[in-house]
N, C-alpha and C. Protein backbone atom coordinates (compact mmCIF):
# COMPACT_ATOMS: atom_id res chain seq x y z
N MET A 1 62.37 141.99 84.12
CA MET A 1 61.54 140.81 84.23
C MET A 1 62.29 139.58 83.72
N LYS A 2 62.96 139.73 82.56
CA LYS A 2 63.71 138.62 81.98
C LYS A 2 64.85 138.21 82.90
N THR A 3 65.47 139.17 83.58
CA THR A 3 66.56 138.89 84.51
C THR A 3 66.08 138.01 85.66
N ARG A 4 64.88 138.25 86.15
CA ARG A 4 64.32 137.45 87.24
C ARG A 4 64.18 135.99 86.81
N TYR A 5 63.71 135.73 85.58
CA TYR A 5 63.56 134.37 85.10
C TYR A 5 64.91 133.68 84.93
N VAL A 6 65.90 134.40 84.44
CA VAL A 6 67.23 133.82 84.30
C VAL A 6 67.79 133.47 85.68
N PHE A 7 67.60 134.35 86.65
CA PHE A 7 68.06 134.09 88.01
C PHE A 7 67.38 132.85 88.58
N LEU A 8 66.06 132.77 88.44
CA LEU A 8 65.32 131.61 88.94
C LEU A 8 65.76 130.33 88.24
N LEU A 9 66.03 130.40 86.96
CA LEU A 9 66.51 129.24 86.22
C LEU A 9 67.86 128.78 86.74
N LEU A 10 68.76 129.72 87.00
CA LEU A 10 70.08 129.37 87.52
C LEU A 10 69.99 128.76 88.91
N VAL A 11 69.18 129.34 89.78
CA VAL A 11 69.01 128.80 91.13
C VAL A 11 68.41 127.40 91.06
N SER A 12 67.43 127.19 90.22
CA SER A 12 66.80 125.88 90.07
C SER A 12 67.81 124.86 89.55
N ALA A 13 68.62 125.24 88.58
CA ALA A 13 69.62 124.34 88.03
C ALA A 13 70.65 123.96 89.09
N ALA A 14 71.08 124.94 89.88
CA ALA A 14 72.07 124.67 90.93
C ALA A 14 71.49 123.74 91.99
N ALA A 15 70.24 123.96 92.37
CA ALA A 15 69.60 123.11 93.38
C ALA A 15 69.45 121.69 92.85
N THR A 16 69.06 121.55 91.60
CA THR A 16 68.92 120.22 91.00
C THR A 16 70.25 119.50 90.95
N ALA A 17 71.30 120.21 90.53
CA ALA A 17 72.63 119.59 90.44
C ALA A 17 73.12 119.16 91.81
N ALA A 18 72.81 119.92 92.84
CA ALA A 18 73.26 119.58 94.19
C ALA A 18 72.58 118.32 94.70
N LEU A 19 71.37 118.05 94.24
CA LEU A 19 70.62 116.90 94.72
C LEU A 19 70.87 115.62 93.92
N LEU A 20 71.48 115.72 92.77
CA LEU A 20 71.73 114.54 91.96
C LEU A 20 72.89 113.74 92.55
N PRO A 21 72.77 112.40 92.64
CA PRO A 21 73.86 111.60 93.18
C PRO A 21 75.10 111.69 92.30
N GLY A 22 76.27 111.80 92.93
CA GLY A 22 77.53 111.81 92.20
C GLY A 22 77.85 113.13 91.54
N ARG A 23 77.04 114.14 91.76
CA ARG A 23 77.27 115.43 91.14
C ARG A 23 77.85 116.40 92.15
N GLY A 24 78.36 117.49 91.69
CA GLY A 24 78.82 118.54 92.57
C GLY A 24 80.08 118.19 93.34
N LEU A 25 80.93 117.33 92.78
CA LEU A 25 82.14 116.94 93.48
C LEU A 25 83.30 117.88 93.23
N GLY A 26 83.09 118.91 92.48
CA GLY A 26 84.16 119.87 92.25
C GLY A 26 84.87 119.63 90.94
N GLN A 27 85.97 120.38 90.74
CA GLN A 27 86.69 120.33 89.48
C GLN A 27 87.36 118.99 89.25
N ASP A 28 87.97 118.47 90.28
CA ASP A 28 88.74 117.24 90.14
C ASP A 28 88.03 116.11 90.88
N SER A 29 86.84 115.77 90.45
CA SER A 29 86.04 114.82 91.20
C SER A 29 86.69 113.45 91.30
N SER A 30 87.41 113.01 90.29
CA SER A 30 87.98 111.67 90.34
C SER A 30 89.12 111.60 91.34
N GLY A 31 90.00 112.58 91.36
CA GLY A 31 91.14 112.55 92.27
C GLY A 31 90.75 112.79 93.71
N ARG A 32 89.90 113.77 93.95
CA ARG A 32 89.50 114.07 95.33
C ARG A 32 88.66 112.96 95.92
N ALA A 33 87.72 112.46 95.16
CA ALA A 33 86.86 111.40 95.69
C ALA A 33 87.68 110.17 96.03
N ALA A 34 88.67 109.85 95.23
CA ALA A 34 89.49 108.67 95.48
C ALA A 34 90.35 108.85 96.73
N SER A 35 90.73 110.09 97.04
CA SER A 35 91.59 110.31 98.20
C SER A 35 90.83 110.47 99.50
N ARG A 36 89.51 110.59 99.44
CA ARG A 36 88.71 110.73 100.65
C ARG A 36 88.69 109.42 101.41
N PRO A 37 88.70 109.48 102.76
CA PRO A 37 88.58 108.25 103.53
C PRO A 37 87.23 107.60 103.26
N GLN A 38 87.21 106.31 103.12
CA GLN A 38 85.99 105.58 102.87
C GLN A 38 85.50 104.94 104.17
N ALA A 39 84.19 104.78 104.31
CA ALA A 39 83.63 104.15 105.50
C ALA A 39 84.05 102.69 105.55
N SER A 40 84.33 102.22 106.78
CA SER A 40 84.68 100.82 106.92
C SER A 40 83.42 99.98 106.78
N ALA A 41 83.60 98.70 106.57
CA ALA A 41 82.46 97.80 106.38
C ALA A 41 81.53 97.88 107.57
N GLY A 42 80.26 98.05 107.31
CA GLY A 42 79.27 98.10 108.36
C GLY A 42 79.11 99.46 109.02
N ALA A 43 79.99 100.39 108.71
CA ALA A 43 79.90 101.71 109.34
C ALA A 43 78.94 102.60 108.56
N SER A 44 78.33 103.52 109.27
CA SER A 44 77.43 104.45 108.63
C SER A 44 78.19 105.37 107.70
N SER A 45 77.69 105.57 106.51
CA SER A 45 78.39 106.44 105.57
C SER A 45 77.56 107.67 105.23
N GLY A 46 76.45 107.86 105.92
CA GLY A 46 75.61 109.01 105.61
C GLY A 46 74.89 109.51 106.83
N GLY A 47 74.22 110.61 106.65
CA GLY A 47 73.46 111.19 107.75
C GLY A 47 74.11 112.46 108.24
N MET A 48 73.29 113.26 108.88
CA MET A 48 73.77 114.52 109.42
C MET A 48 74.65 114.27 110.65
N LEU A 49 75.70 115.08 110.77
CA LEU A 49 76.52 115.02 111.97
C LEU A 49 75.74 115.62 113.12
N GLY A 50 75.93 115.07 114.29
CA GLY A 50 75.21 115.57 115.44
C GLY A 50 75.98 115.33 116.71
N ILE A 51 75.37 115.66 117.83
CA ILE A 51 75.95 115.41 119.14
C ILE A 51 74.91 114.76 120.03
N LEU A 52 75.39 114.00 121.00
CA LEU A 52 74.51 113.43 122.00
C LEU A 52 74.24 114.46 123.07
N ARG A 53 73.14 114.28 123.78
CA ARG A 53 72.86 115.16 124.91
C ARG A 53 73.90 114.90 125.98
N HIS A 54 74.41 115.98 126.56
CA HIS A 54 75.41 115.87 127.61
C HIS A 54 74.79 115.23 128.83
N GLY A 55 75.58 114.49 129.55
CA GLY A 55 75.12 113.89 130.79
C GLY A 55 75.63 112.49 130.98
N ASN A 56 75.14 111.86 132.02
CA ASN A 56 75.54 110.51 132.38
C ASN A 56 74.62 109.51 131.69
N TRP A 57 75.22 108.51 131.10
CA TRP A 57 74.49 107.45 130.42
C TRP A 57 74.80 106.14 131.13
N GLU A 58 73.75 105.43 131.55
CA GLU A 58 73.91 104.13 132.18
C GLU A 58 73.41 103.06 131.22
N CYS A 59 74.06 101.91 131.26
CA CYS A 59 73.73 100.82 130.33
C CYS A 59 73.27 99.60 131.11
N ALA A 60 72.38 98.82 130.49
CA ALA A 60 71.83 97.64 131.15
C ALA A 60 71.42 96.60 130.11
N LEU A 61 71.36 95.38 130.57
CA LEU A 61 70.83 94.27 129.79
C LEU A 61 69.43 93.96 130.31
N PRO A 62 68.58 93.38 129.48
CA PRO A 62 67.23 93.05 129.98
C PRO A 62 67.30 91.95 131.03
N GLY A 63 66.40 92.05 132.02
CA GLY A 63 66.30 91.02 133.04
C GLY A 63 65.33 89.94 132.59
N ASP A 64 64.66 89.33 133.55
CA ASP A 64 63.67 88.31 133.21
C ASP A 64 62.44 88.47 134.10
N ALA A 65 61.41 87.75 133.77
CA ALA A 65 60.13 87.88 134.49
C ALA A 65 60.24 87.43 135.94
N GLY A 66 61.20 86.58 136.25
CA GLY A 66 61.34 86.06 137.61
C GLY A 66 62.22 86.91 138.50
N GLY A 67 62.82 87.96 137.96
CA GLY A 67 63.74 88.76 138.76
C GLY A 67 63.67 90.23 138.38
N ALA A 68 64.84 90.84 138.33
CA ALA A 68 64.93 92.27 138.02
C ALA A 68 64.53 92.53 136.56
N ALA A 69 63.95 93.70 136.33
CA ALA A 69 63.53 94.07 134.98
C ALA A 69 64.73 94.32 134.08
N PHE A 70 65.85 94.77 134.67
CA PHE A 70 67.07 94.99 133.91
C PHE A 70 68.27 94.73 134.81
N VAL A 71 69.41 94.46 134.17
CA VAL A 71 70.64 94.19 134.89
C VAL A 71 71.66 95.25 134.50
N PRO A 72 72.00 96.18 135.41
CA PRO A 72 72.96 97.24 135.08
C PRO A 72 74.33 96.65 134.72
N VAL A 73 75.01 97.32 133.78
CA VAL A 73 76.36 96.94 133.36
C VAL A 73 77.25 98.18 133.56
N PRO A 74 77.73 98.42 134.79
CA PRO A 74 78.49 99.64 135.09
C PRO A 74 79.71 99.85 134.20
N ALA A 75 80.35 98.81 133.75
CA ALA A 75 81.55 98.95 132.89
C ALA A 75 81.22 99.60 131.56
N GLU A 76 79.96 99.55 131.13
CA GLU A 76 79.56 100.14 129.84
C GLU A 76 79.09 101.59 129.98
N ALA A 77 78.93 102.09 131.20
CA ALA A 77 78.44 103.45 131.43
C ALA A 77 79.44 104.48 130.90
N PHE A 78 78.93 105.67 130.59
CA PHE A 78 79.79 106.76 130.13
C PHE A 78 79.12 108.09 130.40
N ARG A 79 79.91 109.14 130.32
CA ARG A 79 79.40 110.51 130.48
C ARG A 79 79.76 111.28 129.23
N ILE A 80 78.78 111.92 128.60
CA ILE A 80 79.01 112.73 127.41
C ILE A 80 79.29 114.16 127.85
N GLY A 81 80.38 114.73 127.34
CA GLY A 81 80.76 116.10 127.65
C GLY A 81 80.77 116.95 126.39
N THR A 82 81.50 118.03 126.45
CA THR A 82 81.57 118.96 125.33
C THR A 82 82.51 118.44 124.24
N ALA A 83 82.40 119.03 123.06
CA ALA A 83 83.29 118.73 121.92
C ALA A 83 83.30 117.25 121.55
N SER A 84 82.13 116.61 121.56
CA SER A 84 81.99 115.20 121.19
C SER A 84 82.92 114.30 122.00
N SER A 85 83.08 114.61 123.28
CA SER A 85 83.94 113.80 124.14
C SER A 85 83.09 112.95 125.08
N TYR A 86 83.72 111.89 125.58
CA TYR A 86 83.07 111.03 126.57
C TYR A 86 84.09 110.60 127.62
N GLU A 87 83.59 110.21 128.77
CA GLU A 87 84.39 109.62 129.83
C GLU A 87 83.70 108.32 130.23
N SER A 88 84.48 107.26 130.37
CA SER A 88 83.95 105.98 130.83
C SER A 88 84.78 105.54 132.03
N PRO A 89 84.39 104.47 132.72
CA PRO A 89 85.20 103.99 133.83
C PRO A 89 86.65 103.66 133.41
N ALA A 90 86.87 103.33 132.14
CA ALA A 90 88.20 102.97 131.65
C ALA A 90 88.99 104.15 131.09
N GLY A 91 88.37 105.33 130.96
CA GLY A 91 89.07 106.50 130.43
C GLY A 91 88.20 107.27 129.45
N GLY A 92 88.78 108.31 128.84
CA GLY A 92 88.02 109.18 127.97
C GLY A 92 88.35 109.01 126.51
N GLY A 93 87.53 109.62 125.67
CA GLY A 93 87.73 109.56 124.23
C GLY A 93 86.78 110.49 123.50
N ILE A 94 86.61 110.18 122.21
CA ILE A 94 85.78 111.00 121.32
C ILE A 94 84.82 110.09 120.57
N TYR A 95 83.66 110.65 120.24
CA TYR A 95 82.66 109.90 119.47
C TYR A 95 82.26 110.70 118.24
N LEU A 96 81.63 110.01 117.30
CA LEU A 96 81.06 110.62 116.10
C LEU A 96 79.62 110.15 116.00
N LEU A 97 78.70 111.10 115.90
CA LEU A 97 77.28 110.77 115.70
C LEU A 97 76.91 111.21 114.30
N ARG A 98 76.52 110.24 113.47
CA ARG A 98 76.15 110.52 112.09
C ARG A 98 74.81 109.86 111.83
N GLY A 99 73.81 110.70 111.60
CA GLY A 99 72.46 110.17 111.43
C GLY A 99 72.00 109.52 112.72
N THR A 100 71.66 108.25 112.67
CA THR A 100 71.24 107.53 113.87
C THR A 100 72.29 106.54 114.33
N GLU A 101 73.53 106.68 113.86
CA GLU A 101 74.59 105.78 114.29
C GLU A 101 75.68 106.53 115.05
N LEU A 102 75.97 106.03 116.23
CA LEU A 102 77.02 106.56 117.08
C LEU A 102 78.21 105.62 117.01
N VAL A 103 79.40 106.18 116.80
CA VAL A 103 80.63 105.38 116.79
C VAL A 103 81.63 106.07 117.72
N PHE A 104 82.16 105.32 118.67
CA PHE A 104 83.23 105.84 119.50
C PHE A 104 84.52 105.70 118.69
N THR A 105 85.19 106.82 118.43
CA THR A 105 86.32 106.81 117.50
C THR A 105 87.68 106.82 118.20
N ARG A 106 87.72 107.21 119.46
CA ARG A 106 88.98 107.21 120.22
C ARG A 106 88.69 106.83 121.65
N GLY A 107 89.72 106.31 122.33
CA GLY A 107 89.59 105.97 123.74
C GLY A 107 89.23 104.51 123.95
N PRO A 108 88.88 104.16 125.18
CA PRO A 108 88.64 102.76 125.53
C PRO A 108 87.41 102.14 124.85
N LYS A 109 86.48 102.93 124.41
CA LYS A 109 85.30 102.40 123.73
C LYS A 109 85.45 102.43 122.21
N LYS A 110 86.66 102.70 121.72
CA LYS A 110 86.93 102.83 120.28
C LYS A 110 86.30 101.66 119.51
N ASP A 111 85.64 102.00 118.42
CA ASP A 111 84.99 101.06 117.50
C ASP A 111 83.67 100.47 118.01
N GLN A 112 83.24 100.83 119.23
CA GLN A 112 81.91 100.41 119.66
C GLN A 112 80.89 101.26 118.93
N ARG A 113 79.81 100.64 118.47
CA ARG A 113 78.78 101.35 117.72
C ARG A 113 77.42 101.16 118.38
N PHE A 114 76.60 102.21 118.28
CA PHE A 114 75.27 102.20 118.86
C PHE A 114 74.28 102.78 117.87
N ARG A 115 73.04 102.37 117.95
CA ARG A 115 71.94 102.95 117.18
C ARG A 115 71.18 103.88 118.12
N VAL A 116 70.89 105.09 117.65
CA VAL A 116 70.10 106.04 118.44
C VAL A 116 68.63 105.66 118.30
N LEU A 117 68.01 105.32 119.42
CA LEU A 117 66.59 104.95 119.42
C LEU A 117 65.70 106.13 119.78
N GLY A 118 66.26 107.07 120.48
CA GLY A 118 65.52 108.26 120.92
C GLY A 118 66.51 109.25 121.49
N GLU A 119 66.00 110.38 121.93
CA GLU A 119 66.85 111.45 122.44
C GLU A 119 67.71 111.01 123.62
N ASN A 120 67.23 110.06 124.40
CA ASN A 120 67.94 109.61 125.60
C ASN A 120 68.19 108.10 125.61
N THR A 121 68.11 107.44 124.47
CA THR A 121 68.25 105.99 124.43
C THR A 121 69.10 105.54 123.26
N LEU A 122 70.06 104.64 123.56
CA LEU A 122 70.92 104.03 122.55
C LEU A 122 70.87 102.52 122.69
N GLN A 123 71.06 101.81 121.57
CA GLN A 123 71.17 100.36 121.63
C GLN A 123 72.47 99.97 120.96
N LYS A 124 73.27 99.16 121.65
CA LYS A 124 74.57 98.76 121.14
C LYS A 124 74.40 97.84 119.93
N LEU A 125 75.30 98.01 118.97
CA LEU A 125 75.32 97.16 117.77
C LEU A 125 76.45 96.15 117.88
N GLU A 126 76.18 94.95 117.40
CA GLU A 126 77.22 93.91 117.31
C GLU A 126 78.16 94.27 116.16
N ARG A 127 79.28 93.60 116.05
CA ARG A 127 80.24 93.87 114.97
C ARG A 127 79.63 93.68 113.58
N ASP A 128 78.66 92.76 113.47
CA ASP A 128 78.02 92.51 112.18
C ASP A 128 76.89 93.49 111.87
N GLY A 129 76.65 94.44 112.78
CA GLY A 129 75.61 95.44 112.56
C GLY A 129 74.27 95.09 113.17
N SER A 130 74.12 93.88 113.68
CA SER A 130 72.85 93.50 114.30
C SER A 130 72.76 94.14 115.69
N MET A 131 71.54 94.28 116.18
CA MET A 131 71.31 94.90 117.48
C MET A 131 71.67 93.92 118.60
N SER A 132 72.42 94.41 119.58
CA SER A 132 72.68 93.61 120.77
C SER A 132 71.55 93.86 121.76
N LYS A 133 71.63 93.26 122.92
CA LYS A 133 70.59 93.47 123.94
C LYS A 133 70.91 94.63 124.86
N LEU A 134 72.13 95.19 124.77
CA LEU A 134 72.53 96.26 125.67
C LEU A 134 71.86 97.57 125.29
N ILE A 135 71.20 98.22 126.24
CA ILE A 135 70.54 99.51 126.06
C ILE A 135 71.19 100.51 127.00
N CYS A 136 71.49 101.70 126.49
CA CYS A 136 72.05 102.78 127.31
C CYS A 136 71.05 103.94 127.34
N THR A 137 70.85 104.50 128.52
CA THR A 137 69.88 105.56 128.73
C THR A 137 70.53 106.72 129.45
N ARG A 138 70.25 107.93 128.98
CA ARG A 138 70.75 109.13 129.66
C ARG A 138 69.95 109.31 130.93
N VAL A 139 70.67 109.40 132.05
CA VAL A 139 70.00 109.47 133.35
C VAL A 139 70.17 110.81 134.06
N GLY A 140 71.00 111.70 133.53
CA GLY A 140 71.16 112.99 134.17
C GLY A 140 72.17 113.85 133.47
N ASN A 141 72.17 115.12 133.84
CA ASN A 141 73.11 116.09 133.27
C ASN A 141 74.48 115.95 133.91
N VAL A 142 75.49 116.46 133.21
CA VAL A 142 76.83 116.53 133.76
C VAL A 142 76.80 117.53 134.89
N GLY A 143 77.41 117.19 135.98
CA GLY A 143 77.38 118.16 137.06
C GLY A 143 78.21 117.80 138.22
C-alpha cells in the first residue's frame, strides 16, 4: 500500500515538473538551451507540429459588391503533398505547420506565413504579422 502512494507521488511530481515553465531542460539546460535555434521575430515559437490536408489549394483576394465575389490569384496557388512538401507554379518546397501558423521554409514560397482559419482555409500574414486579404482554400485532393 505504501509503495502505491510513493509511486503516485513520484508520477505527480514528474507531471508537475514537466508542466512548469523553464523546467525539464535536462542536465545541461544552460548550454543546450543557448545552442537551440531561436524563432525569428514574428515567427510562431509554440504549438503542436502538424500537417496540412493534402490537395490543391487556390488563393484569392476579396472582390467587391459591384463585381466578382473574389479575385483568384493563380500565382499564389499550391498543392500540398506528402512529407510536408508543396508544389507551386514557381516550384516545390517544404512547409512547417506549428499550432495555427504555417511557414513555408524552403522553395519559392520561402518565408511566406499563413494563419490556419479552419481545416481547409488559410489567411496570408504580412511581414509584420498582421492579416493580409489573401485567403487560400483547399479545393480538392491530390490526384
